[in-house]
Amino acid sequence: MNERTVRRAREVRRRARQYRRRREGRLNGALSVCSLLLLTGIGTLCRDAQTPSLALAAQGFGSVLLRRGAGRYAVIGIAAFAAGAALTIVCVRRRKRRTDRTSAAEESEEIL
C-alpha cells in the first residue's frame, strides 16, 4: 500500500472510533436516565408502602413483612434486585466488548 492509502485507512479507523464513542456516550446517557427513573419509581413505591408498623419494627416489636403491605415490600425488593442484576450484566458486557474492540483496533494499527 502506498502512503495515501495508509493515511486514508487511519482516518477511517479514527472516525469509526469517534462514532463508536459517541454512540456509547448516548447509550450511557440513556442507561443513566433509566436508572434515575427506576430509582424514582422505587422511591415512590417505598413512600406509598410505608405503614404505621414501620415504627413498631424499628422498636423491635415485630417484622414489617408480617404486617400489612408485605406484598409491596416483596415486589420492591424483587424489582430492585432484577434491575440491579440486569444493569450489572449490561455493564459487564459493554466493558468486555469495549476492551475487545480497543485491543483489536490497536493490533490492526500496529500491523500497518
N, C-alpha and C. Protein backbone atom coordinates (compact mmCIF):
# COMPACT_ATOMS: atom_id res chain seq x y z
N MET A 1 0.84 -1.19 0.00
CA MET A 1 0.00 0.00 0.00
C MET A 1 0.88 1.25 0.00
N ASN A 2 0.38 2.24 -0.66
CA ASN A 2 1.15 3.48 -0.67
C ASN A 2 0.75 4.35 0.52
N GLU A 3 1.46 5.46 0.66
CA GLU A 3 1.26 6.33 1.82
C GLU A 3 -0.15 6.91 1.87
N ARG A 4 -0.69 7.23 0.73
CA ARG A 4 -2.03 7.82 0.67
C ARG A 4 -3.09 6.83 1.18
N THR A 5 -2.97 5.59 0.80
CA THR A 5 -3.92 4.56 1.25
C THR A 5 -3.80 4.35 2.75
N VAL A 6 -2.59 4.36 3.26
CA VAL A 6 -2.37 4.19 4.70
C VAL A 6 -3.02 5.34 5.47
N ARG A 7 -2.84 6.57 4.99
CA ARG A 7 -3.47 7.72 5.65
C ARG A 7 -4.99 7.61 5.64
N ARG A 8 -5.54 7.19 4.53
CA ARG A 8 -6.99 7.04 4.44
C ARG A 8 -7.50 5.96 5.39
N ALA A 9 -6.79 4.87 5.48
CA ALA A 9 -7.20 3.79 6.37
C ALA A 9 -7.17 4.25 7.83
N ARG A 10 -6.13 5.01 8.19
CA ARG A 10 -6.05 5.55 9.56
C ARG A 10 -7.20 6.50 9.85
N GLU A 11 -7.52 7.33 8.88
CA GLU A 11 -8.62 8.29 9.05
C GLU A 11 -9.96 7.56 9.21
N VAL A 12 -10.15 6.51 8.44
CA VAL A 12 -11.39 5.72 8.56
C VAL A 12 -11.49 5.10 9.95
N ARG A 13 -10.38 4.54 10.44
CA ARG A 13 -10.39 3.94 11.78
C ARG A 13 -10.63 4.99 12.85
N ARG A 14 -10.01 6.17 12.69
CA ARG A 14 -10.20 7.24 13.66
C ARG A 14 -11.66 7.68 13.73
N ARG A 15 -12.27 7.85 12.56
CA ARG A 15 -13.68 8.25 12.53
C ARG A 15 -14.59 7.17 13.08
N ALA A 16 -14.27 5.92 12.80
CA ALA A 16 -15.08 4.82 13.34
C ALA A 16 -15.02 4.82 14.85
N ARG A 17 -13.83 5.03 15.44
CA ARG A 17 -13.71 5.10 16.90
C ARG A 17 -14.49 6.29 17.44
N GLN A 18 -14.42 7.42 16.72
CA GLN A 18 -15.14 8.60 17.15
C GLN A 18 -16.65 8.35 17.17
N TYR A 19 -17.19 7.75 16.12
CA TYR A 19 -18.61 7.45 16.08
C TYR A 19 -19.00 6.44 17.15
N ARG A 20 -18.13 5.47 17.39
CA ARG A 20 -18.40 4.47 18.42
C ARG A 20 -18.45 5.12 19.80
N ARG A 21 -17.52 6.04 20.06
CA ARG A 21 -17.53 6.75 21.35
C ARG A 21 -18.80 7.57 21.52
N ARG A 22 -19.24 8.23 20.46
CA ARG A 22 -20.49 9.00 20.53
C ARG A 22 -21.67 8.10 20.84
N ARG A 23 -21.74 6.96 20.14
CA ARG A 23 -22.84 6.03 20.36
C ARG A 23 -22.81 5.48 21.79
N GLU A 24 -21.61 5.16 22.29
CA GLU A 24 -21.50 4.67 23.66
C GLU A 24 -21.88 5.75 24.66
N GLY A 25 -21.55 7.00 24.36
CA GLY A 25 -21.94 8.10 25.23
C GLY A 25 -23.45 8.25 25.30
N ARG A 26 -24.10 8.13 24.14
CA ARG A 26 -25.57 8.19 24.13
C ARG A 26 -26.17 7.04 24.91
N LEU A 27 -25.60 5.86 24.76
CA LEU A 27 -26.10 4.69 25.48
C LEU A 27 -25.90 4.86 26.98
N ASN A 28 -24.74 5.39 27.38
CA ASN A 28 -24.51 5.64 28.80
C ASN A 28 -25.52 6.65 29.35
N GLY A 29 -25.80 7.67 28.57
CA GLY A 29 -26.80 8.65 29.00
C GLY A 29 -28.18 8.02 29.14
N ALA A 30 -28.55 7.19 28.18
CA ALA A 30 -29.85 6.52 28.26
C ALA A 30 -29.92 5.60 29.46
N LEU A 31 -28.85 4.87 29.73
CA LEU A 31 -28.83 3.99 30.90
C LEU A 31 -28.91 4.79 32.19
N SER A 32 -28.27 5.93 32.23
CA SER A 32 -28.32 6.79 33.41
C SER A 32 -29.74 7.29 33.66
N VAL A 33 -30.39 7.73 32.59
CA VAL A 33 -31.78 8.21 32.72
C VAL A 33 -32.69 7.08 33.19
N CYS A 34 -32.52 5.89 32.62
CA CYS A 34 -33.34 4.75 33.05
C CYS A 34 -33.10 4.42 34.51
N SER A 35 -31.85 4.49 34.94
CA SER A 35 -31.54 4.22 36.34
C SER A 35 -32.20 5.24 37.27
N LEU A 36 -32.14 6.51 36.86
CA LEU A 36 -32.78 7.54 37.68
C LEU A 36 -34.29 7.36 37.74
N LEU A 37 -34.89 7.01 36.60
CA LEU A 37 -36.34 6.77 36.60
C LEU A 37 -36.70 5.58 37.49
N LEU A 38 -35.89 4.53 37.41
CA LEU A 38 -36.14 3.36 38.25
C LEU A 38 -35.99 3.71 39.72
N LEU A 39 -34.95 4.46 40.05
CA LEU A 39 -34.75 4.88 41.44
C LEU A 39 -35.90 5.74 41.93
N THR A 40 -36.37 6.65 41.08
CA THR A 40 -37.51 7.49 41.45
C THR A 40 -38.77 6.65 41.65
N GLY A 41 -38.98 5.69 40.75
CA GLY A 41 -40.15 4.81 40.89
C GLY A 41 -40.09 3.98 42.16
N ILE A 42 -38.93 3.44 42.47
CA ILE A 42 -38.80 2.64 43.69
C ILE A 42 -39.01 3.52 44.92
N GLY A 43 -38.46 4.75 44.86
CA GLY A 43 -38.68 5.67 45.98
C GLY A 43 -40.14 6.01 46.17
N THR A 44 -40.85 6.19 45.07
CA THR A 44 -42.29 6.47 45.15
C THR A 44 -43.04 5.28 45.74
N LEU A 45 -42.69 4.09 45.29
CA LEU A 45 -43.34 2.90 45.83
C LEU A 45 -43.04 2.72 47.32
N CYS A 46 -41.82 3.01 47.71
CA CYS A 46 -41.46 2.88 49.13
C CYS A 46 -42.23 3.89 49.97
N ARG A 47 -42.39 5.09 49.44
CA ARG A 47 -43.13 6.11 50.19
C ARG A 47 -44.59 5.68 50.37
N ASP A 48 -45.16 5.10 49.30
CA ASP A 48 -46.54 4.65 49.38
C ASP A 48 -46.68 3.40 50.25
N ALA A 49 -45.63 2.63 50.39
CA ALA A 49 -45.70 1.36 51.11
C ALA A 49 -45.50 1.53 52.61
N GLN A 50 -45.12 2.71 53.06
CA GLN A 50 -44.87 2.89 54.49
C GLN A 50 -46.19 2.81 55.26
N THR A 51 -46.12 2.06 56.32
CA THR A 51 -47.29 1.88 57.18
C THR A 51 -46.88 2.19 58.62
N PRO A 52 -47.85 2.35 59.51
CA PRO A 52 -47.52 2.61 60.90
C PRO A 52 -46.70 1.48 61.55
N SER A 53 -46.70 0.33 60.93
CA SER A 53 -45.97 -0.79 61.52
C SER A 53 -44.47 -0.60 61.42
N LEU A 54 -44.02 0.33 60.60
CA LEU A 54 -42.58 0.57 60.50
C LEU A 54 -42.01 1.06 61.82
N ALA A 55 -42.74 1.89 62.51
CA ALA A 55 -42.27 2.37 63.80
C ALA A 55 -42.15 1.22 64.79
N LEU A 56 -43.10 0.31 64.73
CA LEU A 56 -43.04 -0.85 65.61
C LEU A 56 -41.85 -1.74 65.28
N ALA A 57 -41.57 -1.91 64.00
CA ALA A 57 -40.44 -2.73 63.59
C ALA A 57 -39.13 -2.09 64.02
N ALA A 58 -39.06 -0.77 63.93
CA ALA A 58 -37.84 -0.08 64.33
C ALA A 58 -37.60 -0.25 65.82
N GLN A 59 -38.66 -0.41 66.60
CA GLN A 59 -38.51 -0.60 68.04
C GLN A 59 -38.31 -2.07 68.39
N GLY A 60 -38.38 -2.94 67.40
CA GLY A 60 -38.12 -4.35 67.65
C GLY A 60 -39.35 -5.15 68.06
N PHE A 61 -40.55 -4.68 67.77
CA PHE A 61 -41.76 -5.38 68.17
C PHE A 61 -42.25 -6.38 67.13
N GLY A 62 -41.60 -6.49 66.02
CA GLY A 62 -42.04 -7.46 65.02
C GLY A 62 -41.48 -7.12 63.65
N SER A 63 -41.76 -7.96 62.75
CA SER A 63 -41.25 -7.79 61.39
C SER A 63 -42.26 -7.02 60.56
N VAL A 64 -41.74 -6.15 59.72
CA VAL A 64 -42.60 -5.38 58.83
C VAL A 64 -43.30 -6.32 57.86
N LEU A 65 -42.61 -7.35 57.43
CA LEU A 65 -43.18 -8.24 56.43
C LEU A 65 -44.33 -9.08 56.98
N LEU A 66 -44.47 -9.17 58.28
CA LEU A 66 -45.57 -9.92 58.84
C LEU A 66 -46.81 -9.06 59.03
N ARG A 67 -46.69 -7.81 58.71
CA ARG A 67 -47.82 -6.89 58.87
C ARG A 67 -48.38 -6.54 57.49
N ARG A 68 -49.25 -5.55 57.45
CA ARG A 68 -49.84 -5.13 56.18
C ARG A 68 -48.79 -4.61 55.23
N GLY A 69 -49.06 -4.72 53.94
CA GLY A 69 -48.18 -4.17 52.93
C GLY A 69 -47.00 -5.05 52.59
N ALA A 70 -47.03 -6.30 52.99
CA ALA A 70 -45.90 -7.18 52.72
C ALA A 70 -45.70 -7.39 51.23
N GLY A 71 -46.78 -7.40 50.46
CA GLY A 71 -46.68 -7.60 49.02
C GLY A 71 -45.88 -6.50 48.34
N ARG A 72 -46.11 -5.27 48.76
CA ARG A 72 -45.38 -4.15 48.17
C ARG A 72 -43.89 -4.26 48.44
N TYR A 73 -43.54 -4.59 49.67
CA TYR A 73 -42.12 -4.71 50.01
C TYR A 73 -41.46 -5.83 49.20
N ALA A 74 -42.15 -6.92 49.05
CA ALA A 74 -41.60 -8.03 48.28
C ALA A 74 -41.43 -7.63 46.82
N VAL A 75 -42.42 -6.96 46.25
CA VAL A 75 -42.32 -6.53 44.85
C VAL A 75 -41.19 -5.52 44.68
N ILE A 76 -41.06 -4.59 45.59
CA ILE A 76 -40.00 -3.59 45.52
C ILE A 76 -38.63 -4.27 45.60
N GLY A 77 -38.50 -5.22 46.51
CA GLY A 77 -37.23 -5.93 46.65
C GLY A 77 -36.88 -6.74 45.41
N ILE A 78 -37.85 -7.44 44.87
CA ILE A 78 -37.59 -8.25 43.67
C ILE A 78 -37.27 -7.35 42.48
N ALA A 79 -38.01 -6.25 42.33
CA ALA A 79 -37.75 -5.32 41.22
C ALA A 79 -36.37 -4.69 41.34
N ALA A 80 -35.99 -4.31 42.54
CA ALA A 80 -34.66 -3.71 42.73
C ALA A 80 -33.56 -4.72 42.42
N PHE A 81 -33.74 -5.95 42.87
CA PHE A 81 -32.74 -6.98 42.58
C PHE A 81 -32.64 -7.24 41.09
N ALA A 82 -33.78 -7.39 40.43
CA ALA A 82 -33.77 -7.67 38.99
C ALA A 82 -33.14 -6.51 38.21
N ALA A 83 -33.47 -5.29 38.58
CA ALA A 83 -32.90 -4.13 37.89
C ALA A 83 -31.39 -4.06 38.11
N GLY A 84 -30.96 -4.30 39.32
CA GLY A 84 -29.52 -4.29 39.61
C GLY A 84 -28.78 -5.37 38.86
N ALA A 85 -29.35 -6.57 38.82
CA ALA A 85 -28.72 -7.68 38.10
C ALA A 85 -28.65 -7.38 36.60
N ALA A 86 -29.72 -6.85 36.04
CA ALA A 86 -29.74 -6.54 34.61
C ALA A 86 -28.73 -5.44 34.28
N LEU A 87 -28.67 -4.41 35.11
CA LEU A 87 -27.73 -3.33 34.88
C LEU A 87 -26.29 -3.83 34.98
N THR A 88 -26.02 -4.69 35.94
CA THR A 88 -24.68 -5.26 36.08
C THR A 88 -24.29 -6.07 34.86
N ILE A 89 -25.19 -6.89 34.37
CA ILE A 89 -24.91 -7.71 33.18
C ILE A 89 -24.64 -6.82 31.97
N VAL A 90 -25.45 -5.79 31.79
CA VAL A 90 -25.26 -4.88 30.65
C VAL A 90 -23.90 -4.19 30.74
N CYS A 91 -23.55 -3.71 31.92
CA CYS A 91 -22.27 -3.01 32.08
C CYS A 91 -21.08 -3.94 31.85
N VAL A 92 -21.15 -5.17 32.36
CA VAL A 92 -20.05 -6.11 32.16
C VAL A 92 -19.90 -6.45 30.68
N ARG A 93 -21.00 -6.67 29.99
CA ARG A 93 -20.91 -6.97 28.56
C ARG A 93 -20.36 -5.80 27.77
N ARG A 94 -20.77 -4.59 28.10
CA ARG A 94 -20.27 -3.41 27.40
C ARG A 94 -18.78 -3.23 27.63
N ARG A 95 -18.33 -3.43 28.86
CA ARG A 95 -16.91 -3.27 29.16
C ARG A 95 -16.08 -4.31 28.40
N LYS A 96 -16.58 -5.54 28.37
CA LYS A 96 -15.85 -6.59 27.65
C LYS A 96 -15.78 -6.27 26.16
N ARG A 97 -16.89 -5.84 25.59
CA ARG A 97 -16.93 -5.51 24.17
C ARG A 97 -15.99 -4.34 23.87
N ARG A 98 -15.96 -3.35 24.74
CA ARG A 98 -15.10 -2.19 24.53
C ARG A 98 -13.63 -2.58 24.59
N THR A 99 -13.25 -3.42 25.54
CA THR A 99 -11.84 -3.83 25.62
C THR A 99 -11.46 -4.69 24.42
N ASP A 100 -12.40 -5.54 23.96
CA ASP A 100 -12.12 -6.35 22.77
C ASP A 100 -11.90 -5.46 21.55
N ARG A 101 -12.75 -4.44 21.40
CA ARG A 101 -12.61 -3.54 20.26
C ARG A 101 -11.32 -2.74 20.34
N THR A 102 -11.00 -2.27 21.53
CA THR A 102 -9.80 -1.47 21.70
C THR A 102 -8.55 -2.28 21.38
N SER A 103 -8.51 -3.50 21.89
CA SER A 103 -7.34 -4.34 21.61
C SER A 103 -7.26 -4.70 20.13
N ALA A 104 -8.39 -4.96 19.50
CA ALA A 104 -8.40 -5.27 18.07
C ALA A 104 -7.95 -4.06 17.26
N ALA A 105 -8.40 -2.86 17.64
CA ALA A 105 -8.01 -1.65 16.92
C ALA A 105 -6.51 -1.40 17.07
N GLU A 106 -5.98 -1.61 18.27
CA GLU A 106 -4.55 -1.41 18.50
C GLU A 106 -3.73 -2.42 17.69
N GLU A 107 -4.19 -3.66 17.65
CA GLU A 107 -3.47 -4.68 16.88
C GLU A 107 -3.47 -4.34 15.39
N SER A 108 -4.61 -3.87 14.88
CA SER A 108 -4.67 -3.55 13.45
C SER A 108 -3.81 -2.34 13.12
N GLU A 109 -3.70 -1.39 14.04
CA GLU A 109 -2.85 -0.22 13.80
C GLU A 109 -1.38 -0.60 13.84
N GLU A 110 -1.04 -1.56 14.71
CA GLU A 110 0.35 -1.99 14.79
C GLU A 110 0.78 -2.71 13.52
N ILE A 111 -0.14 -3.39 12.88
CA ILE A 111 0.18 -4.11 11.66
C ILE A 111 0.54 -3.12 10.55
N LEU A 112 -0.22 -2.01 10.50
CA LEU A 112 0.05 -1.01 9.47
C LEU A 112 1.17 -0.16 9.94
